[in-house]
Amino acid sequence: MVFVVIDGLDASGKSTQAIRLSSFLRQHGRTVFLRIHPSDDNYFGVEARHFLYLRGKGAHFAAAFFYMLDVFRSILLYSWQKYDHIIFVRYLMGTAYLPSPLHKLAYHFFAVIVPTSDFIFFLDVEPQEACRRIQLTRERQEMFESLDELEQTRRKALSLALAGNWKVVNANRSISKVESEIRKLLF
């Protein structure tokens, strides 16, 4: 089983790339389980998404708390199942949304207790490009989708990715170029 993580800022193309990779693998006879967080099939994921549209510190911590529970639930339920590939969208980089220096402590704590992989991808997108994509595709913004929040989160997430075992992929490029790089790094 190959465990793949695709993470990055909002609007970096995480879900798009995960769906394309999943489809490619299935077309080549592989069994694939794809899990996107926050998920909408359980209480924790639904609550995480709910709090993402609210404002304030309480909502900020509640969104992070329910998100972490959603990821843990997925790990417990799905990481042991028999698939050729398991793809998780959003995983450890959710900690970058926490205030400094808590984001580093949370990241290192969770990195020790959750499964890891040689195939963890951080889709790095410029905050301005992420904002442009959000404005084009979303009806309403989550609390972390302002330019200021995206800049802060990118700075924290990129520092974690560069210090860890992450494969940083330039996600400012076209969907097909990002997809091609992920495949090249995976195979």
C-alpha atoms as a PDB file:
ATOM      1  CA  MET A   1       0.000   0.000   0.000  1.00  0.00           C
ATOM      2  CA  VAL A   2       1.239   3.457  -0.926  1.00  0.00           C
ATOM      3  CA  PHE A   3       0.059   6.277   1.314  1.00  0.00           C
ATOM      4  CA  VAL A   4      -0.081   9.622  -0.500  1.00  0.00           C
ATOM      5  CA  VAL A   5      -0.780  13.007   1.100  1.00  0.00           C
ATOM      6  CA  ILE A   6      -1.663  16.072  -0.932  1.00  0.00           C
ATOM      7  CA  ASP A   7      -1.710  19.248   1.126  1.00  0.00           C
ATOM      8  CA  GLY A   8      -1.407  22.991   0.607  1.00  0.00           C
ATOM      9  CA  LEU A   9      -3.164  26.308   0.978  1.00  0.00           C
ATOM     10  CA  ASP A  10      -6.807  26.791   0.137  1.00  0.00           C
ATOM     11  CA  ALA A  11      -7.194  26.926  -3.674  1.00  0.00           C
ATOM     12  CA  SER A  12      -3.821  25.301  -4.302  1.00  0.00           C
ATOM     13  CA  GLY A  13      -5.492  22.489  -6.252  1.00  0.00           C
ATOM     14  CA  LYS A  14      -5.308  19.739  -3.617  1.00  0.00           C
ATOM     15  CA  SER A  15      -8.647  18.102  -4.358  1.00  0.00           C
ATOM     16  CA  THR A  16      -8.258  18.549  -8.107  1.00  0.00           C
ATOM     17  CA  GLN A  17      -4.860  16.843  -8.083  1.00  0.00           C
ATOM     18  CA  ALA A  18      -6.016  14.068  -5.744  1.00  0.00           C
ATOM     19  CA  ILE A  19      -9.027  13.291  -7.936  1.00  0.00           C
ATOM     20  CA  ARG A  20      -6.862  13.289 -11.083  1.00  0.00           C
ATOM     21  CA  LEU A  21      -4.254  11.047  -9.444  1.00  0.00           C
ATOM     22  CA  SER A  22      -6.948   8.695  -8.182  1.00  0.00           C
ATOM     23  CA  SER A  23      -8.473   8.460 -11.653  1.00  0.00           C
ATOM     24  CA  PHE A  24      -5.070   7.851 -13.265  1.00  0.00           C
ATOM     25  CA  LEU A  25      -4.240   5.073 -10.797  1.00  0.00           C
ATOM     26  CA  ARG A  26      -7.625   3.384 -11.286  1.00  0.00           C
ATOM     27  CA  GLN A  27      -7.207   3.528 -15.070  1.00  0.00           C
ATOM     28  CA  HIS A  28      -3.965   1.612 -14.551  1.00  0.00           C
ATOM     29  CA  GLY A  29      -5.633  -1.158 -12.544  1.00  0.00           C
ATOM     30  CA  ARG A  30      -4.812   0.057  -9.046  1.00  0.00           C
ATOM     31  CA  THR A  31      -7.252   0.096  -6.151  1.00  0.00           C
ATOM     32  CA  VAL A  32      -7.495   3.546  -4.607  1.00  0.00           C
ATOM     33  CA  PHE A  33      -9.115   5.072  -1.565  1.00  0.00           C
ATOM     34  CA  LEU A  34      -9.432   8.867  -1.663  1.00  0.00           C
ATOM     35  CA  ARG A  35     -10.224  10.878   1.468  1.00  0.00           C
ATOM     36  CA  ILE A  36     -10.700  14.667   1.407  1.00  0.00           C
ATOM     37  CA  HIS A  37     -10.706  16.630   4.678  1.00  0.00           C
ATOM     38  CA  PRO A  38     -12.750  18.092   6.143  1.00  0.00           C
ATOM     39  CA  SER A  39     -15.088  15.343   5.047  1.00  0.00           C
ATOM     40  CA  ASP A  40     -18.851  15.660   4.946  1.00  0.00           C
ATOM     41  CA  ASP A  41     -19.780  12.117   5.947  1.00  0.00           C
ATOM     42  CA  ASN A  42     -19.242  12.435   9.702  1.00  0.00           C
ATOM     43  CA  TYR A  43     -19.913  14.804  12.583  1.00  0.00           C
ATOM     44  CA  PHE A  44     -16.294  16.000  12.958  1.00  0.00           C
ATOM     45  CA  GLY A  45     -15.862  16.961   9.319  1.00  0.00           C
ATOM     46  CA  VAL A  46     -19.254  18.679   9.165  1.00  0.00           C
ATOM     47  CA  GLU A  47     -18.467  20.694  12.293  1.00  0.00           C
ATOM     48  CA  ALA A  48     -14.984  21.617  11.019  1.00  0.00           C
ATOM     49  CA  ARG A  49     -16.495  22.961   7.797  1.00  0.00           C
ATOM     50  CA  HIS A  50     -19.217  24.815   9.741  1.00  0.00           C
ATOM     51  CA  PHE A  51     -16.679  26.662  11.887  1.00  0.00           C
ATOM     52  CA  LEU A  52     -14.584  27.593   8.836  1.00  0.00           C
ATOM     53  CA  TYR A  53     -17.328  30.039   7.830  1.00  0.00           C
ATOM     54  CA  LEU A  54     -17.470  31.767  11.211  1.00  0.00           C
ATOM     55  CA  ARG A  55     -15.123  34.393  12.639  1.00  0.00           C
ATOM     56  CA  GLY A  56     -13.203  34.823  15.870  1.00  0.00           C
ATOM     57  CA  LYS A  57     -10.717  32.882  17.968  1.00  0.00           C
ATOM     58  CA  GLY A  58     -13.311  30.442  19.244  1.00  0.00           C
ATOM     59  CA  ALA A  59     -14.330  29.497  15.713  1.00  0.00           C
ATOM     60  CA  HIS A  60     -10.662  29.325  14.720  1.00  0.00           C
ATOM     61  CA  PHE A  61      -9.841  26.785  17.436  1.00  0.00           C
ATOM     62  CA  ALA A  62     -13.104  24.864  16.943  1.00  0.00           C
ATOM     63  CA  ALA A  63     -12.408  24.497  13.201  1.00  0.00           C
ATOM     64  CA  ALA A  64      -8.877  23.220  13.951  1.00  0.00           C
ATOM     65  CA  PHE A  65     -10.101  20.877  16.708  1.00  0.00           C
ATOM     66  CA  PHE A  66     -12.859  19.267  14.623  1.00  0.00           C
ATOM     67  CA  TYR A  67     -10.544  19.075  11.608  1.00  0.00           C
ATOM     68  CA  MET A  68      -7.968  17.135  13.653  1.00  0.00           C
ATOM     69  CA  LEU A  69     -10.679  14.763  14.910  1.00  0.00           C
ATOM     70  CA  ASP A  70     -11.864  14.247  11.332  1.00  0.00           C
ATOM     71  CA  VAL A  71      -8.327  13.342  10.204  1.00  0.00           C
ATOM     72  CA  PHE A  72      -7.807  10.992  13.169  1.00  0.00           C
ATOM     73  CA  ARG A  73     -11.116   9.309  12.415  1.00  0.00           C
ATOM     74  CA  SER A  74     -10.004   8.770   8.809  1.00  0.00           C
ATOM     75  CA  ILE A  75      -6.673   7.346   9.917  1.00  0.00           C
ATOM     76  CA  LEU A  76      -8.366   4.914  12.303  1.00  0.00           C
ATOM     77  CA  LEU A  77     -11.002   3.817   9.812  1.00  0.00           C
ATOM     78  CA  TYR A  78      -9.144   3.745   6.523  1.00  0.00           C
ATOM     79  CA  SER A  79      -5.352   3.652   6.812  1.00  0.00           C
ATOM     80  CA  TRP A  80      -5.257  -0.086   7.539  1.00  0.00           C
ATOM     81  CA  GLN A  81      -7.590  -1.135   4.714  1.00  0.00           C
ATOM     82  CA  LYS A  82      -6.241  -3.018   1.720  1.00  0.00           C
ATOM     83  CA  TYR A  83      -5.812  -0.670  -1.216  1.00  0.00           C
ATOM     84  CA  ASP A  84      -2.895  -0.205  -3.559  1.00  0.00           C
ATOM     85  CA  HIS A  85      -3.006   3.550  -2.835  1.00  0.00           C
ATOM     86  CA  ILE A  86      -4.623   5.628  -0.104  1.00  0.00           C
ATOM     87  CA  ILE A  87      -4.751   9.351  -0.868  1.00  0.00           C
ATOM     88  CA  PHE A  88      -5.461  11.866   1.873  1.00  0.00           C
ATOM     89  CA  VAL A  89      -6.167  15.491   1.044  1.00  0.00           C
ATOM     90  CA  ARG A  90      -5.224  17.779   3.912  1.00  0.00           C
ATOM     91  CA  TYR A  91      -3.345  16.054   6.651  1.00  0.00           C
ATOM     92  CA  LEU A  92      -0.586  17.564   8.793  1.00  0.00           C
ATOM     93  CA  MET A  93      -0.578  21.053   7.280  1.00  0.00           C
ATOM     94  CA  GLY A  94      -3.852  21.833   8.993  1.00  0.00           C
ATOM     95  CA  THR A  95      -1.608  22.717  11.926  1.00  0.00           C
ATOM     96  CA  ALA A  96      -0.295  25.735   9.959  1.00  0.00           C
ATOM     97  CA  TYR A  97      -3.660  27.395  10.544  1.00  0.00           C
ATOM     98  CA  LEU A  98      -2.966  27.502  14.279  1.00  0.00           C
ATOM     99  CA  PRO A  99      -1.344  30.605  15.794  1.00  0.00           C
ATOM    100  CA  SER A 100       2.462  30.748  16.132  1.00  0.00           C
ATOM    101  CA  PRO A 101       4.281  29.016  17.782  1.00  0.00           C
ATOM    102  CA  LEU A 102       1.476  26.540  18.487  1.00  0.00           C
ATOM    103  CA  HIS A 103       1.493  25.489  14.824  1.00  0.00           C
ATOM    104  CA  LYS A 104       5.049  24.087  15.150  1.00  0.00           C
ATOM    105  CA  LEU A 105       4.306  22.231  18.369  1.00  0.00           C
ATOM    106  CA  ALA A 106       1.107  20.727  16.958  1.00  0.00           C
ATOM    107  CA  TYR A 107       2.802  19.746  13.704  1.00  0.00           C
ATOM    108  CA  HIS A 108       5.690  17.962  15.407  1.00  0.00           C
ATOM    109  CA  PHE A 109       3.366  16.274  17.908  1.00  0.00           C
ATOM    110  CA  PHE A 110       1.060  14.921  15.209  1.00  0.00           C
ATOM    111  CA  ALA A 111       3.930  14.025  12.859  1.00  0.00           C
ATOM    112  CA  VAL A 112       5.147  11.586  15.520  1.00  0.00           C
ATOM    113  CA  ILE A 113       1.799   9.850  16.083  1.00  0.00           C
ATOM    114  CA  VAL A 114       0.200   9.674  12.625  1.00  0.00           C
ATOM    115  CA  PRO A 115       1.341   7.518   9.692  1.00  0.00           C
ATOM    116  CA  THR A 116       3.782   9.208   7.360  1.00  0.00           C
ATOM    117  CA  SER A 117       4.964   8.506   3.853  1.00  0.00           C
ATOM    118  CA  ASP A 118       7.667   9.254   1.325  1.00  0.00           C
ATOM    119  CA  PHE A 119       4.888  10.673  -0.833  1.00  0.00           C
ATOM    120  CA  ILE A 120       3.703  13.781   0.967  1.00  0.00           C
ATOM    121  CA  PHE A 121       3.156  16.677  -1.408  1.00  0.00           C
ATOM    122  CA  PHE A 122       2.807  20.331  -0.487  1.00  0.00           C
ATOM    123  CA  LEU A 123       1.183  22.260  -3.314  1.00  0.00           C
ATOM    124  CA  ASP A 124       2.733  25.687  -2.973  1.00  0.00           C
ATOM    125  CA  VAL A 125       0.670  28.519  -4.422  1.00  0.00           C
ATOM    126  CA  GLU A 126       1.280  32.243  -4.102  1.00  0.00           C
ATOM    127  CA  PRO A 127      -1.346  33.826  -1.825  1.00  0.00           C
ATOM    128  CA  GLN A 128      -2.354  36.279  -4.563  1.00  0.00           C
ATOM    129  CA  GLU A 129      -3.011  33.397  -6.965  1.00  0.00           C
ATOM    130  CA  ALA A 130      -4.950  31.528  -4.275  1.00  0.00           C
ATOM    131  CA  CYS A 131      -7.104  34.634  -3.687  1.00  0.00           C
ATOM    132  CA  ARG A 132      -7.757  34.968  -7.407  1.00  0.00           C
ATOM    133  CA  ARG A 133      -8.868  31.323  -7.616  1.00  0.00           C
ATOM    134  CA  ILE A 134     -11.059  31.668  -4.525  1.00  0.00           C
ATOM    135  CA  GLN A 135     -12.809  34.728  -5.945  1.00  0.00           C
ATOM    136  CA  LEU A 136     -13.447  32.909  -9.234  1.00  0.00           C
ATOM    137  CA  THR A 137     -14.749  29.653  -7.774  1.00  0.00           C
ATOM    138  CA  ARG A 138     -16.302  30.239  -4.351  1.00  0.00           C
ATOM    139  CA  GLU A 139     -19.639  31.735  -3.432  1.00  0.00           C
ATOM    140  CA  ARG A 140     -18.410  32.612   0.063  1.00  0.00           C
ATOM    141  CA  GLN A 141     -15.063  32.770   1.810  1.00  0.00           C
ATOM    142  CA  GLU A 142     -13.844  30.709   4.716  1.00  0.00           C
ATOM    143  CA  MET A 143     -12.133  32.485   7.619  1.00  0.00           C
ATOM    144  CA  PHE A 144      -8.653  31.614   6.331  1.00  0.00           C
ATOM    145  CA  GLU A 145      -9.196  32.742   2.734  1.00  0.00           C
ATOM    146  CA  SER A 146      -8.297  36.420   2.942  1.00  0.00           C
ATOM    147  CA  LEU A 147      -5.004  37.530   1.412  1.00  0.00           C
ATOM    148  CA  ASP A 148      -3.550  38.289   4.858  1.00  0.00           C
ATOM    149  CA  GLU A 149      -4.536  34.871   6.260  1.00  0.00           C
ATOM    150  CA  LEU A 150      -3.240  33.065   3.168  1.00  0.00           C
ATOM    151  CA  GLU A 151       0.111  34.881   3.434  1.00  0.00           C
ATOM    152  CA  GLN A 152       0.496  33.973   7.111  1.00  0.00           C
ATOM    153  CA  THR A 153      -0.582  30.375   6.597  1.00  0.00           C
ATOM    154  CA  ARG A 154       1.682  29.898   3.563  1.00  0.00           C
ATOM    155  CA  ARG A 155       4.691  31.200   5.497  1.00  0.00           C
ATOM    156  CA  LYS A 156       4.053  28.756   8.356  1.00  0.00           C
ATOM    157  CA  ALA A 157       3.152  25.784   6.145  1.00  0.00           C
ATOM    158  CA  LEU A 158       6.093  26.264   3.804  1.00  0.00           C
ATOM    159  CA  SER A 159       8.516  26.422   6.728  1.00  0.00           C
ATOM    160  CA  LEU A 160       7.088  23.131   8.045  1.00  0.00           C
ATOM    161  CA  ALA A 161       7.222  21.517   4.595  1.00  0.00           C
ATOM    162  CA  LEU A 162      10.810  22.585   3.954  1.00  0.00           C
ATOM    163  CA  ALA A 163      11.915  21.306   7.377  1.00  0.00           C
ATOM    164  CA  GLY A 164      10.155  17.983   6.851  1.00  0.00           C
ATOM    165  CA  ASN A 165      10.100  15.279   4.241  1.00  0.00           C
ATOM    166  CA  TRP A 166       7.630  17.109   1.963  1.00  0.00           C
ATOM    167  CA  LYS A 167       7.884  17.281  -1.795  1.00  0.00           C
ATOM    168  CA  VAL A 168       7.110  20.929  -2.558  1.00  0.00           C
ATOM    169  CA  VAL A 169       5.326  21.355  -5.892  1.00  0.00           C
ATOM    170  CA  ASN A 170       4.838  24.743  -7.557  1.00  0.00           C
ATOM    171  CA  ALA A 171       1.042  24.932  -7.845  1.00  0.00           C
ATOM    172  CA  ASN A 172       0.973  28.328  -9.559  1.00  0.00           C
ATOM    173  CA  ARG A 173       1.245  26.449 -12.848  1.00  0.00           C
ATOM    174  CA  SER A 174      -1.424  24.767 -14.941  1.00  0.00           C
ATOM    175  CA  ILE A 175      -3.303  21.773 -13.590  1.00  0.00           C
ATOM    176  CA  SER A 176      -1.629  19.459 -16.115  1.00  0.00           C
ATOM    177  CA  LYS A 177       1.907  20.624 -15.230  1.00  0.00           C
ATOM    178  CA  VAL A 178       1.274  20.105 -11.513  1.00  0.00           C
ATOM    179  CA  GLU A 179      -0.258  16.702 -12.242  1.00  0.00           C
ATOM    180  CA  SER A 180       2.743  15.721 -14.338  1.00  0.00           C
ATOM    181  CA  GLU A 181       5.187  16.673 -11.566  1.00  0.00           C
ATOM    182  CA  ILE A 182       3.248  14.724  -8.930  1.00  0.00           C
ATOM    183  CA  ARG A 183       3.222  11.614 -11.134  1.00  0.00           C
ATOM    184  CA  LYS A 184       6.940  11.984 -11.847  1.00  0.00           C
ATOM    185  CA  LEU A 185       7.723  12.229  -8.113  1.00  0.00           C
ATOM    186  CA  LEU A 186       5.405   9.327  -7.286  1.00  0.00           C
ATOM    187  CA  PHE A 187       6.719   6.879  -9.865  1.00  0.00           C
END
